[in-house]
Amino acid sequence: MVIVGAGATGGWAAKRLAEAGLSVIVLDAGRPFGPEDFREHTPAHSLPLRARTKAVMSRTQPQQASSYACTEWNADWFVNDADEPYTTPAGLPFPWVGRTRIVGGRTHVWGRQSYRYSDIDFRSASRDGFGIDWPLSYADLAPYYDLVERYVGISGINEGIAQLPDQQLLPPFGFSCVESHVRATVGARMGRTVRQGRTANLTRSINGRPACHMCGPCERGCATFSYFNAAYTTVIDAEKTGRCRIITHAMAAQVLMDPQTHRATGIRYVDRRTRAHHEVHGRVVLLAAQAFESVRLLFNSATAQDPAGLANSSGVLGQYLVSHFTGFGAVAEFPAFQKTASTNEPQKPTGLFVARFRNLDPQKPDARFPRGYGYQGGGATAFDQSLAGFGADYAAAVKASGRTTVNLGGFGEPVPDARNCVTIDPDVTDAWGIPAVKIAMHYSETDWAMMRDGAEQAAEMLESAGGTNIRITWVPRWASHEVGIARMGADPKTSVLNQFQQTHDVKNLFVVDGAAMPSVGYVNPTLTMMALVVRSCDYLLESLKEGIV
């Protein structure tokens, strides 16, 4: 078996297949991950540039530096944007951030919010007419959600509501006083479910991984392995079998094909350090490189038999790109919960989550937009640096100050749109000579309408809870939740993959990352990606036994 990528889905594929007795090769473009990469306890004053590096980073990492997750602590985990470019049409910037080059991929820096999709998501096209339905149901995926959640370790609270299915959860981290107040008042006055965000941080030990000690920020690493990261969970499990080999610094360039059988035979890759070209071969190829990277690989594997890109007889490869849009919401002060700020409080890794409340009844659609949004945020007390004065008196006043606020930031779901797509830019290559992608993403009128409604409703909820000095936040941005560009579907004419993420055109080629998902829902997609790949691996194992792959 050849797997491209050792992140959230590639790690699971390696674990599942190697533990089943198969020999596995995993190609990863990143370097190995080691103990020296844990920097969560490194103070800013000990860094060479004292963490004031965004301007410096912008010279070689202008896109990556725009993300909160990329800082001086971990900049060496991320790509050099000059070496690995991508393009966008004029006037349509898109932030392809979180592009790591370290084994474990985005699981080093992901937000860890982990939720199940429901049949409202899997059947969204039947409800509103946009896109296509998933070729599977919640019942098909539920056992795999169970399996993944028990292994990963997700803390939180079950609420028993249709748009947010219950999960296998560890005890929650708990609410702050102001968060408890907002949860209770918004629930009572507006009938909306405000709860703690379910996060892949442990609150009790699992498989030798101890509970989170709330040191934060998590994107700097975790020496205790207390949040889920493929590098020290699934990948290690796969290697322990003795049947999994990880090849690092490997830039996958092409899926190798046998023209006689029209089957994948392996991967050609370029060593990032030596620029030498190599090949690895296997009975089955699984792409888990991240949505853009996997689709880039399929396009760059075009042959005389597949001139529009590998597995693209439908013509939809690269189309129907979707991701959550965010950057809209509101923040309010809560003077009744004021306290003195401190730099020594525990850094709780999750806060508030508000479940979707729009367009839940298909008989009562909202004319402004077809789907819905949720909120992520929470309460915090920060130093008030707006105080008057200067010198020692000012410093003393700030030290004794505290301003308690609650923030609700929206995550909205766009509908699939063929204009939103990924193609190969014929004029741009990366530092290893591999053609780069061009990403085109548009906000539609329904996207803008949803964001406006989401900002207004966030302010209304905070006002109902007694918030003051309410400010609407409005800096629209695409989240790093890219899916849909090699989508699953029941009809090979309108999709690239079947329900097991197997390409319709090449029976031993699978795409097992976010590219496979026909829609993005309103909650974070990584948990669903992991459940899907485990299900696909079980199908693959059974198919190998039966000799049909």
Protein backbone atom coordinates (compact mmCIF):
# COMPACT_ATOMS: atom_id res chain seq x y z
CA MET A 1 0.00 0.00 0.00
CA VAL A 2 1.25 3.52 -0.81
CA ILE A 3 -0.19 6.43 1.18
CA VAL A 4 0.58 10.07 0.41
CA GLY A 5 0.40 12.16 3.58
CA ALA A 6 0.89 11.43 7.28
CA GLY A 7 -1.70 13.78 8.77
CA ALA A 8 -5.18 13.29 10.14
CA THR A 9 -6.34 10.84 7.46
CA GLY A 10 -3.05 9.44 6.22
CA GLY A 11 -2.08 8.50 9.77
CA TRP A 12 -5.36 6.64 10.26
CA ALA A 13 -4.97 4.82 6.93
CA ALA A 14 -1.44 3.73 7.87
CA LYS A 15 -2.56 2.54 11.30
CA ARG A 16 -5.61 0.67 10.05
CA LEU A 17 -3.87 -1.08 7.17
CA ALA A 18 -0.59 -1.90 8.94
CA GLU A 19 -2.40 -3.27 11.97
CA ALA A 20 -4.40 -5.48 9.60
CA GLY A 21 -1.16 -7.05 8.39
CA LEU A 22 -0.45 -5.13 5.18
CA SER A 23 2.89 -3.57 4.24
CA VAL A 24 2.55 0.20 4.02
CA ILE A 25 4.75 2.99 2.65
CA VAL A 26 3.81 6.53 3.67
CA LEU A 27 5.22 9.47 1.74
CA ASP A 28 5.20 12.78 3.56
CA ALA A 29 6.50 16.10 2.27
CA GLY A 30 7.50 17.15 5.77
CA ARG A 31 10.43 16.44 7.99
CA PRO A 32 10.31 14.08 10.99
CA PHE A 33 8.80 15.38 14.22
CA GLY A 34 10.91 15.22 17.39
CA PRO A 35 10.93 16.25 21.08
CA GLU A 36 12.75 19.46 20.19
CA ASP A 37 9.59 20.61 18.41
CA PHE A 38 7.60 20.91 21.64
CA ARG A 39 7.65 24.65 22.37
CA GLU A 40 4.49 25.27 24.34
CA HIS A 41 6.52 26.15 27.44
CA THR A 42 9.05 28.35 25.64
CA PRO A 43 8.62 31.97 26.80
CA ALA A 44 8.62 34.77 24.25
CA HIS A 45 11.64 36.45 25.83
CA SER A 46 13.80 33.41 25.06
CA LEU A 47 13.09 33.51 21.32
CA PRO A 48 15.68 35.25 19.11
CA LEU A 49 13.19 37.88 17.95
CA ARG A 50 11.00 37.86 21.09
CA ALA A 51 8.01 36.62 19.01
CA ARG A 52 7.82 39.93 17.16
CA THR A 53 8.35 38.26 13.82
CA LYS A 54 5.29 38.71 11.59
CA ALA A 55 7.04 41.37 9.49
CA VAL A 56 10.14 39.19 9.13
CA MET A 57 8.10 36.07 8.33
CA SER A 58 6.13 37.90 5.67
CA ARG A 59 9.22 37.96 3.45
CA THR A 60 9.18 34.20 2.87
CA GLN A 61 5.88 33.14 4.47
CA PRO A 62 3.41 35.91 3.66
CA GLN A 63 0.43 33.56 3.52
CA GLN A 64 1.38 31.37 6.47
CA ALA A 65 2.19 34.37 8.67
CA SER A 66 -1.37 35.63 8.14
CA SER A 67 -2.61 32.75 10.28
CA TYR A 68 -2.73 33.01 14.08
CA ALA A 69 -1.17 29.54 14.23
CA CYS A 70 2.10 30.44 12.50
CA THR A 71 4.49 32.31 14.79
CA GLU A 72 8.16 32.39 15.71
CA TRP A 73 7.56 29.38 17.94
CA ASN A 74 6.67 27.12 15.03
CA ALA A 75 7.41 28.92 11.74
CA ASP A 76 9.81 26.14 10.73
CA TRP A 77 6.85 23.72 10.65
CA PHE A 78 5.28 25.62 7.75
CA VAL A 79 6.01 25.92 4.04
CA ASN A 80 8.11 28.65 2.55
CA ASP A 81 5.48 30.36 0.38
CA ALA A 82 8.15 31.42 -2.12
CA ASP A 83 9.20 27.81 -2.68
CA GLU A 84 5.65 26.46 -2.77
CA PRO A 85 3.52 29.10 -4.49
CA TYR A 86 -0.09 29.03 -5.58
CA THR A 87 -2.06 31.61 -7.50
CA THR A 88 -5.50 33.21 -7.36
CA PRO A 89 -7.47 35.30 -9.87
CA ALA A 90 -7.18 39.07 -9.56
CA GLY A 91 -9.42 40.38 -6.81
CA LEU A 92 -10.09 36.95 -5.29
CA PRO A 93 -7.48 36.35 -2.59
CA PHE A 94 -7.65 33.02 -0.79
CA PRO A 95 -5.65 32.21 2.38
CA TRP A 96 -4.15 28.76 1.89
CA VAL A 97 -2.63 28.62 5.36
CA GLY A 98 -1.81 25.84 7.77
CA ARG A 99 0.45 24.30 5.13
CA THR A 100 2.83 22.37 7.35
CA ARG A 101 5.88 20.42 6.32
CA ILE A 102 6.29 18.16 9.33
CA VAL A 103 5.02 14.62 9.90
CA GLY A 104 1.56 14.94 11.41
CA GLY A 105 0.55 17.77 9.10
CA ARG A 106 -2.17 20.14 10.19
CA THR A 107 -2.87 18.08 13.32
CA HIS A 108 0.02 19.98 14.89
CA VAL A 109 -1.88 23.27 14.59
CA TRP A 110 -5.55 22.39 14.09
CA GLY A 111 -8.22 24.00 16.25
CA ARG A 112 -9.27 20.51 17.54
CA GLN A 113 -13.00 21.30 17.54
CA SER A 114 -14.54 17.90 16.83
CA TYR A 115 -18.19 17.31 15.91
CA ARG A 116 -20.23 14.78 14.00
CA TYR A 117 -22.18 15.65 10.89
CA SER A 118 -25.86 14.65 10.87
CA ASP A 119 -28.25 13.57 8.15
CA ILE A 120 -29.15 17.25 7.85
CA ASP A 121 -25.65 17.59 6.39
CA PHE A 122 -25.52 14.31 4.47
CA ARG A 123 -28.88 15.04 2.81
CA SER A 124 -28.54 18.80 2.43
CA ALA A 125 -28.96 18.72 -1.36
CA SER A 126 -32.30 16.92 -1.03
CA ARG A 127 -33.40 19.57 1.44
CA ASP A 128 -32.42 22.69 -0.49
CA GLY A 129 -31.48 21.62 -4.03
CA PHE A 130 -27.84 22.73 -4.01
CA GLY A 131 -24.98 20.34 -4.79
CA ILE A 132 -25.35 16.58 -4.36
CA ASP A 133 -26.22 14.36 -1.42
CA TRP A 134 -23.52 12.30 0.24
CA PRO A 135 -23.63 8.67 -0.95
CA LEU A 136 -23.92 7.49 2.65
CA SER A 137 -26.01 8.22 5.72
CA TYR A 138 -25.35 9.02 9.35
CA ALA A 139 -26.10 5.39 10.25
CA ASP A 140 -23.33 4.25 7.88
CA LEU A 141 -20.73 6.44 9.56
CA ALA A 142 -21.87 6.31 13.21
CA PRO A 143 -19.85 3.17 14.17
CA TYR A 144 -16.72 4.78 12.76
CA TYR A 145 -17.35 8.01 14.62
CA ASP A 146 -17.55 5.85 17.77
CA LEU A 147 -14.25 4.12 17.01
CA VAL A 148 -12.35 7.30 16.18
CA GLU A 149 -13.70 9.26 19.16
CA ARG A 150 -12.74 6.55 21.66
CA TYR A 151 -9.18 6.57 20.30
CA VAL A 152 -8.73 10.31 19.76
CA GLY A 153 -10.29 11.44 23.06
CA ILE A 154 -12.81 14.27 22.76
CA SER A 155 -14.14 16.22 25.73
CA GLY A 156 -17.49 17.93 25.88
CA ILE A 157 -21.21 17.71 26.61
CA ASN A 158 -23.92 15.89 24.68
CA GLU A 159 -27.08 17.90 24.07
CA GLY A 160 -29.39 15.45 22.28
CA ILE A 161 -30.26 17.68 19.30
CA ALA A 162 -30.65 16.55 15.69
CA GLN A 163 -28.26 19.05 14.12
CA LEU A 164 -25.46 18.08 16.52
CA PRO A 165 -25.42 14.30 17.13
CA ASP A 166 -24.26 12.97 20.48
CA GLN A 167 -20.72 11.58 20.66
CA GLN A 168 -18.41 9.37 22.71
CA LEU A 169 -17.18 12.13 25.01
CA LEU A 170 -14.80 12.58 27.90
CA PRO A 171 -15.85 14.91 30.74
CA PRO A 172 -15.93 18.61 29.75
CA PHE A 173 -13.39 21.22 30.81
CA GLY A 174 -16.16 23.28 32.35
CA PHE A 175 -17.45 26.79 31.86
CA SER A 176 -16.19 30.03 33.31
CA CYS A 177 -18.72 32.04 35.29
CA VAL A 178 -19.52 34.38 32.41
CA GLU A 179 -19.78 31.46 29.99
CA SER A 180 -22.24 29.68 32.30
CA HIS A 181 -24.29 32.87 32.47
CA VAL A 182 -24.41 33.29 28.68
CA ARG A 183 -25.25 29.61 28.17
CA ALA A 184 -28.15 29.76 30.61
CA THR A 185 -29.63 33.10 29.59
CA VAL A 186 -29.42 32.62 25.82
CA GLY A 187 -30.91 29.16 26.18
CA ALA A 188 -33.78 30.40 28.33
CA ARG A 189 -34.54 33.63 26.47
CA MET A 190 -33.86 32.64 22.86
CA GLY A 191 -34.14 28.85 22.90
CA ARG A 192 -30.70 28.30 21.38
CA THR A 193 -28.23 25.63 22.37
CA VAL A 194 -25.09 27.23 23.79
CA ARG A 195 -22.64 24.65 24.98
CA GLN A 196 -18.96 23.95 25.44
CA GLY A 197 -16.99 23.29 22.28
CA ARG A 198 -16.14 19.61 21.93
CA THR A 199 -12.37 19.47 21.63
CA ALA A 200 -9.77 16.77 20.99
CA ASN A 201 -8.00 17.57 24.27
CA LEU A 202 -8.02 14.93 26.98
CA THR A 203 -9.63 15.41 30.37
CA ARG A 204 -8.53 11.94 31.47
CA SER A 205 -5.75 9.60 30.41
CA ILE A 206 -6.14 7.50 27.24
CA ASN A 207 -3.56 4.97 26.02
CA GLY A 208 -0.84 6.51 28.15
CA ARG A 209 -1.62 10.06 27.07
CA PRO A 210 -2.34 12.12 30.22
CA ALA A 211 -5.02 14.76 30.64
CA CYS A 212 -4.44 18.26 29.32
CA HIS A 213 -2.81 20.55 31.90
CA MET A 214 -4.06 23.69 30.10
CA CYS A 215 -0.71 25.31 29.45
CA GLY A 216 -1.53 26.50 25.89
CA PRO A 217 -1.35 27.64 23.20
CA CYS A 218 -1.78 24.18 21.69
CA GLU A 219 -0.41 25.16 18.28
CA ARG A 220 3.08 25.25 19.77
CA GLY A 221 3.07 21.50 20.44
CA CYS A 222 2.22 19.31 23.40
CA ALA A 223 4.95 17.37 25.18
CA THR A 224 2.37 15.30 27.08
CA PHE A 225 0.48 14.29 23.89
CA SER A 226 -2.71 15.54 25.50
CA TYR A 227 -4.34 16.67 22.29
CA PHE A 228 -4.74 14.50 19.22
CA ASN A 229 -1.85 14.73 16.81
CA ALA A 230 -1.24 12.06 14.17
CA ALA A 231 2.53 12.30 14.66
CA TYR A 232 2.39 10.75 18.12
CA THR A 233 -0.71 8.58 17.87
CA THR A 234 -1.76 6.90 14.62
CA VAL A 235 1.62 7.23 12.89
CA ILE A 236 3.45 5.75 15.85
CA ASP A 237 0.94 2.90 16.07
CA ALA A 238 1.51 2.13 12.39
CA GLU A 239 5.30 2.14 12.79
CA LYS A 240 5.10 -0.13 15.86
CA THR A 241 3.71 -2.90 13.67
CA GLY A 242 7.00 -3.13 11.81
CA ARG A 243 5.04 -3.07 8.56
CA CYS A 244 4.96 0.70 7.97
CA ARG A 245 7.78 2.74 6.50
CA ILE A 246 7.63 6.56 6.56
CA ILE A 247 9.56 8.38 3.83
CA THR A 248 9.94 12.04 4.77
CA HIS A 249 10.89 15.08 2.63
CA ALA A 250 8.99 13.43 -0.24
CA MET A 251 7.16 15.78 -2.62
CA ALA A 252 4.64 13.59 -4.46
CA ALA A 253 4.65 14.58 -8.14
CA GLN A 254 2.68 11.94 -10.06
CA VAL A 255 0.50 8.89 -9.64
CA LEU A 256 2.09 6.13 -11.74
CA MET A 257 -0.31 4.23 -13.99
CA ASP A 258 -0.26 0.98 -15.95
CA PRO A 259 -1.86 1.89 -19.31
CA GLN A 260 -2.71 -1.76 -20.02
CA THR A 261 -4.79 -2.29 -16.89
CA HIS A 262 -5.58 1.35 -16.09
CA ARG A 263 -4.51 0.74 -12.52
CA ALA A 264 -2.32 2.85 -10.25
CA THR A 265 1.06 1.29 -9.62
CA GLY A 266 2.65 3.78 -7.26
CA ILE A 267 3.93 7.34 -6.83
CA ARG A 268 6.81 9.30 -8.31
CA TYR A 269 8.21 11.79 -5.81
CA VAL A 270 10.98 14.35 -5.51
CA ASP A 271 13.29 14.44 -2.51
CA ARG A 272 13.04 17.99 -1.13
CA ARG A 273 16.69 18.01 -0.07
CA THR A 274 18.47 16.41 -3.04
CA ARG A 275 15.85 17.07 -5.77
CA ALA A 276 16.37 13.49 -6.90
CA HIS A 277 13.36 11.69 -8.38
CA HIS A 278 12.26 8.36 -6.92
CA GLU A 279 9.41 5.90 -7.32
CA VAL A 280 7.56 3.70 -4.86
CA HIS A 281 5.16 0.99 -5.92
CA GLY A 282 2.20 -0.69 -4.31
CA ARG A 283 -0.99 -2.61 -4.96
CA VAL A 284 -3.20 0.31 -3.87
CA VAL A 285 -2.58 4.08 -3.73
CA LEU A 286 -4.32 6.31 -1.19
CA LEU A 287 -4.05 10.09 -1.43
CA ALA A 288 -4.27 11.85 1.93
CA ALA A 289 -2.12 14.85 1.18
CA GLN A 290 -4.73 17.59 1.93
CA ALA A 291 -7.50 18.52 -0.48
CA PHE A 292 -5.55 20.92 -2.69
CA GLU A 293 -2.44 18.74 -2.75
CA SER A 294 -4.31 15.54 -3.61
CA VAL A 295 -6.24 17.18 -6.44
CA ARG A 296 -3.05 18.85 -7.66
CA LEU A 297 -1.51 15.39 -7.83
CA LEU A 298 -4.45 14.00 -9.83
CA PHE A 299 -4.28 16.86 -12.34
CA ASN A 300 -0.51 16.50 -12.66
CA SER A 301 -0.98 12.76 -13.35
CA ALA A 302 -2.87 13.33 -16.60
CA THR A 303 -2.09 10.79 -19.33
CA ALA A 304 -3.20 10.11 -22.90
CA GLN A 305 -5.93 7.94 -21.37
CA ASP A 306 -6.88 10.62 -18.86
CA PRO A 307 -6.06 13.94 -20.52
CA ALA A 308 -8.19 16.06 -18.17
CA GLY A 309 -6.55 14.64 -15.07
CA LEU A 310 -6.55 11.26 -13.42
CA ALA A 311 -9.99 10.01 -12.26
CA ASN A 312 -11.71 12.91 -14.00
CA SER A 313 -14.06 11.29 -16.50
CA SER A 314 -16.87 13.25 -14.80
CA GLY A 315 -15.14 16.57 -15.43
CA VAL A 316 -15.84 17.73 -11.87
CA LEU A 317 -12.35 17.19 -10.46
CA GLY A 318 -11.27 20.47 -8.88
CA GLN A 319 -14.79 21.93 -8.99
CA TYR A 320 -17.24 22.68 -6.19
CA LEU A 321 -14.63 23.85 -3.70
CA VAL A 322 -16.24 24.74 -0.39
CA SER A 323 -14.88 25.90 2.95
CA HIS A 324 -16.38 27.62 5.94
CA PHE A 325 -16.43 31.38 5.87
CA THR A 326 -15.78 33.06 9.17
CA GLY A 327 -14.77 36.47 10.54
CA PHE A 328 -18.35 37.56 11.36
CA GLY A 329 -19.93 37.73 14.81
CA ALA A 330 -19.96 39.98 17.85
CA VAL A 331 -18.19 40.69 21.14
CA ALA A 332 -19.59 42.24 24.32
CA GLU A 333 -18.41 43.27 27.76
CA PHE A 334 -19.91 41.81 30.93
CA PRO A 335 -19.12 44.20 33.81
CA ALA A 336 -20.92 42.00 36.33
CA PHE A 337 -18.22 39.37 35.84
CA GLN A 338 -15.27 41.73 35.95
CA LYS A 339 -12.17 40.53 37.75
CA THR A 340 -8.46 41.27 37.79
CA ALA A 341 -6.72 39.85 34.75
CA SER A 342 -3.84 37.42 35.15
CA THR A 343 -1.18 35.94 32.92
CA ASN A 344 -1.06 32.81 35.08
CA GLU A 345 -4.57 31.45 34.64
CA PRO A 346 -5.06 28.02 33.00
CA GLN A 347 -5.36 28.23 29.22
CA LYS A 348 -8.55 26.25 28.71
CA PRO A 349 -8.39 24.78 25.17
CA THR A 350 -12.05 25.33 24.33
CA GLY A 351 -14.87 27.77 24.97
CA LEU A 352 -18.47 28.24 23.86
CA PHE A 353 -20.19 26.69 20.87
CA VAL A 354 -23.63 27.64 19.53
CA ALA A 355 -25.35 25.02 17.41
CA ARG A 356 -26.98 25.84 14.08
CA PHE A 357 -30.52 27.22 14.36
CA ARG A 358 -31.28 28.38 10.80
CA ASN A 359 -33.01 26.24 8.11
CA LEU A 360 -33.55 23.20 10.29
CA ASP A 361 -37.13 22.72 9.09
CA PRO A 362 -37.12 22.06 5.32
CA GLN A 363 -40.74 23.17 5.19
CA LYS A 364 -39.74 26.64 6.40
CA PRO A 365 -36.71 27.70 4.32
CA ASP A 366 -35.06 31.06 4.80
CA ALA A 367 -35.32 33.04 1.56
CA ARG A 368 -31.97 34.77 2.20
CA PHE A 369 -29.70 31.70 2.31
CA PRO A 370 -30.23 27.93 2.14
CA ARG A 371 -28.10 26.48 4.94
CA GLY A 372 -26.82 27.60 8.31
CA TYR A 373 -24.05 28.63 10.64
CA GLY A 374 -22.82 28.10 14.17
CA TYR A 375 -20.61 30.05 16.54
CA GLN A 376 -17.37 29.35 18.35
CA GLY A 377 -16.00 31.67 20.99
CA GLY A 378 -15.97 32.08 24.74
CA GLY A 379 -15.35 34.31 27.69
CA ALA A 380 -12.07 35.94 28.65
CA THR A 381 -10.70 38.57 31.02
CA ALA A 382 -7.90 40.71 29.61
CA PHE A 383 -5.86 43.64 30.86
CA ASP A 384 -7.38 47.02 30.02
CA GLN A 385 -4.61 48.78 28.13
CA SER A 386 -6.84 51.72 27.21
CA LEU A 387 -6.41 53.29 30.65
CA ALA A 388 -5.04 56.83 30.87
CA GLY A 389 -1.59 57.62 32.23
CA PHE A 390 2.00 56.58 31.68
CA GLY A 391 5.03 55.20 33.47
CA ALA A 392 4.86 53.28 36.74
CA ASP A 393 1.36 54.52 37.58
CA TYR A 394 0.04 53.36 34.22
CA ALA A 395 1.73 49.97 34.59
CA ALA A 396 0.27 49.52 38.06
CA ALA A 397 -3.21 50.48 36.86
CA VAL A 398 -3.09 48.04 33.94
CA LYS A 399 -1.81 45.27 36.19
CA ALA A 400 -4.76 45.77 38.52
CA SER A 401 -7.30 46.00 35.67
CA GLY A 402 -9.51 43.48 33.98
CA ARG A 403 -12.13 43.61 31.25
CA THR A 404 -14.36 40.54 30.86
CA THR A 405 -15.77 39.91 27.41
CA VAL A 406 -17.58 37.18 25.50
CA ASN A 407 -16.94 36.64 21.82
CA LEU A 408 -19.12 34.71 19.36
CA GLY A 409 -17.47 34.09 15.99
CA GLY A 410 -19.53 32.61 13.18
CA PHE A 411 -18.74 29.64 10.94
CA GLY A 412 -21.02 29.58 7.90
CA GLU A 413 -21.67 26.97 5.24
CA PRO A 414 -21.63 28.00 1.56
CA VAL A 415 -23.36 25.90 -1.06
CA PRO A 416 -21.36 24.11 -3.78
CA ASP A 417 -20.68 26.37 -6.75
CA ALA A 418 -18.80 25.30 -9.89
CA ARG A 419 -17.16 28.75 -10.07
CA ASN A 420 -15.26 27.87 -6.90
CA CYS A 421 -12.55 25.59 -8.14
CA VAL A 422 -8.94 24.48 -8.28
CA THR A 423 -6.98 24.16 -11.50
CA ILE A 424 -3.32 23.90 -12.46
CA ASP A 425 -1.60 27.19 -13.27
CA PRO A 426 0.41 26.38 -16.42
CA ASP A 427 2.85 29.20 -15.77
CA VAL A 428 3.85 28.47 -12.15
CA THR A 429 5.83 25.62 -10.60
CA ASP A 430 7.18 25.04 -7.14
CA ALA A 431 10.87 24.81 -6.26
CA TRP A 432 10.88 21.14 -7.27
CA GLY A 433 9.40 21.75 -10.71
CA ILE A 434 5.90 20.51 -9.87
CA PRO A 435 3.09 22.61 -11.43
CA ALA A 436 1.23 24.70 -8.84
CA VAL A 437 -2.49 25.17 -8.29
CA LYS A 438 -4.71 28.16 -8.98
CA ILE A 439 -7.53 28.63 -6.45
CA ALA A 440 -10.68 30.58 -7.29
CA MET A 441 -13.16 31.30 -4.48
CA HIS A 442 -16.10 33.71 -4.59
CA TYR A 443 -18.43 34.90 -1.86
CA SER A 444 -21.96 34.57 -3.20
CA GLU A 445 -24.91 36.80 -2.36
CA THR A 446 -26.25 34.07 -0.07
CA ASP A 447 -22.85 33.95 1.70
CA TRP A 448 -23.01 37.69 2.38
CA ALA A 449 -26.61 37.38 3.56
CA MET A 450 -25.69 34.59 5.97
CA MET A 451 -22.76 36.57 7.37
CA ARG A 452 -24.93 39.64 7.93
CA ASP A 453 -27.55 37.57 9.71
CA GLY A 454 -24.90 35.79 11.75
CA ALA A 455 -23.34 39.04 12.93
CA GLU A 456 -26.73 40.49 13.88
CA GLN A 457 -27.81 37.35 15.73
CA ALA A 458 -24.53 37.15 17.65
CA ALA A 459 -25.09 40.71 18.87
CA GLU A 460 -28.68 39.93 19.76
CA MET A 461 -27.68 36.88 21.80
CA LEU A 462 -25.04 38.80 23.73
CA GLU A 463 -27.51 41.60 24.38
CA SER A 464 -30.08 39.11 25.68
CA ALA A 465 -27.45 37.86 28.12
CA GLY A 466 -26.83 41.37 29.46
CA GLY A 467 -23.72 42.25 27.48
CA THR A 468 -22.75 45.90 27.09
CA ASN A 469 -20.64 47.85 24.60
CA ILE A 470 -21.58 45.27 21.96
CA ARG A 471 -19.48 45.43 18.79
CA ILE A 472 -20.20 43.52 15.63
CA THR A 473 -17.10 41.91 14.15
CA TRP A 474 -16.83 41.84 10.38
CA VAL A 475 -13.63 40.68 8.67
CA PRO A 476 -14.86 37.90 6.33
CA ARG A 477 -12.31 35.19 5.69
CA TRP A 478 -12.20 31.61 4.46
CA ALA A 479 -11.33 29.02 7.11
CA SER A 480 -8.75 26.26 6.52
CA HIS A 481 -11.51 23.67 5.99
CA GLU A 482 -11.19 23.07 2.25
CA VAL A 483 -13.32 20.21 0.89
CA GLY A 484 -15.34 19.09 -2.12
CA ILE A 485 -12.93 19.12 -5.06
CA ALA A 486 -12.86 15.33 -5.59
CA ARG A 487 -16.29 14.72 -4.17
CA MET A 488 -18.01 11.46 -3.39
CA GLY A 489 -21.30 10.68 -5.06
CA ALA A 490 -23.63 7.92 -6.19
CA ASP A 491 -23.41 8.97 -9.85
CA PRO A 492 -20.00 8.69 -11.59
CA LYS A 493 -21.13 11.40 -14.01
CA THR A 494 -21.29 14.03 -11.24
CA SER A 495 -18.63 12.83 -8.79
CA VAL A 496 -15.06 11.57 -8.61
CA LEU A 497 -15.36 9.01 -5.79
CA ASN A 498 -17.83 6.45 -4.51
CA GLN A 499 -18.99 6.23 -0.90
CA PHE A 500 -15.74 4.49 0.11
CA GLN A 501 -13.57 7.27 -1.37
CA GLN A 502 -12.53 4.97 -4.21
CA THR A 503 -12.20 6.71 -7.56
CA HIS A 504 -14.87 5.69 -10.05
CA ASP A 505 -12.28 5.48 -12.84
CA VAL A 506 -9.31 3.74 -11.18
CA LYS A 507 -10.37 0.98 -8.81
CA ASN A 508 -7.17 0.82 -6.78
CA LEU A 509 -6.89 4.60 -6.27
CA PHE A 510 -8.52 6.29 -3.28
CA VAL A 511 -8.70 9.94 -2.15
CA VAL A 512 -9.19 9.94 1.61
CA ASP A 513 -8.81 13.56 2.71
CA GLY A 514 -11.21 16.50 2.70
CA ALA A 515 -11.35 16.60 -1.09
CA ALA A 516 -13.82 13.69 -0.87
CA MET A 517 -16.50 15.53 1.10
CA PRO A 518 -19.41 16.83 -1.06
CA SER A 519 -20.27 19.58 1.44
CA VAL A 520 -18.68 21.13 4.51
CA GLY A 521 -21.61 21.36 6.94
CA TYR A 522 -21.50 24.00 9.60
CA VAL A 523 -19.06 22.28 11.98
CA ASN A 524 -15.37 21.49 11.70
CA PRO A 525 -14.72 18.63 9.24
CA THR A 526 -11.64 16.80 10.57
CA LEU A 527 -13.47 14.28 12.77
CA THR A 528 -15.64 13.30 9.80
CA MET A 529 -12.58 12.96 7.57
CA MET A 530 -11.06 10.52 10.08
CA ALA A 531 -14.24 8.46 10.42
CA LEU A 532 -14.54 8.27 6.63
CA VAL A 533 -10.99 7.02 6.10
CA VAL A 534 -11.36 4.27 8.69
CA ARG A 535 -14.57 3.13 6.97
CA SER A 536 -12.83 3.23 3.59
CA CYS A 537 -9.90 1.19 4.90
CA ASP A 538 -12.26 -1.47 6.22
CA TYR A 539 -13.90 -1.61 2.79
CA LEU A 540 -10.49 -1.84 1.16
CA LEU A 541 -9.41 -4.70 3.42
CA GLU A 542 -12.57 -6.65 2.63
CA SER A 543 -12.20 -5.92 -1.09
CA LEU A 544 -8.62 -7.21 -1.05
CA LYS A 545 -9.80 -10.45 0.54
CA GLU A 546 -12.41 -10.82 -2.18
CA GLY A 547 -9.95 -9.91 -4.91
CA ILE A 548 -12.02 -7.03 -6.30
CA VAL A 549 -9.44 -4.25 -5.83
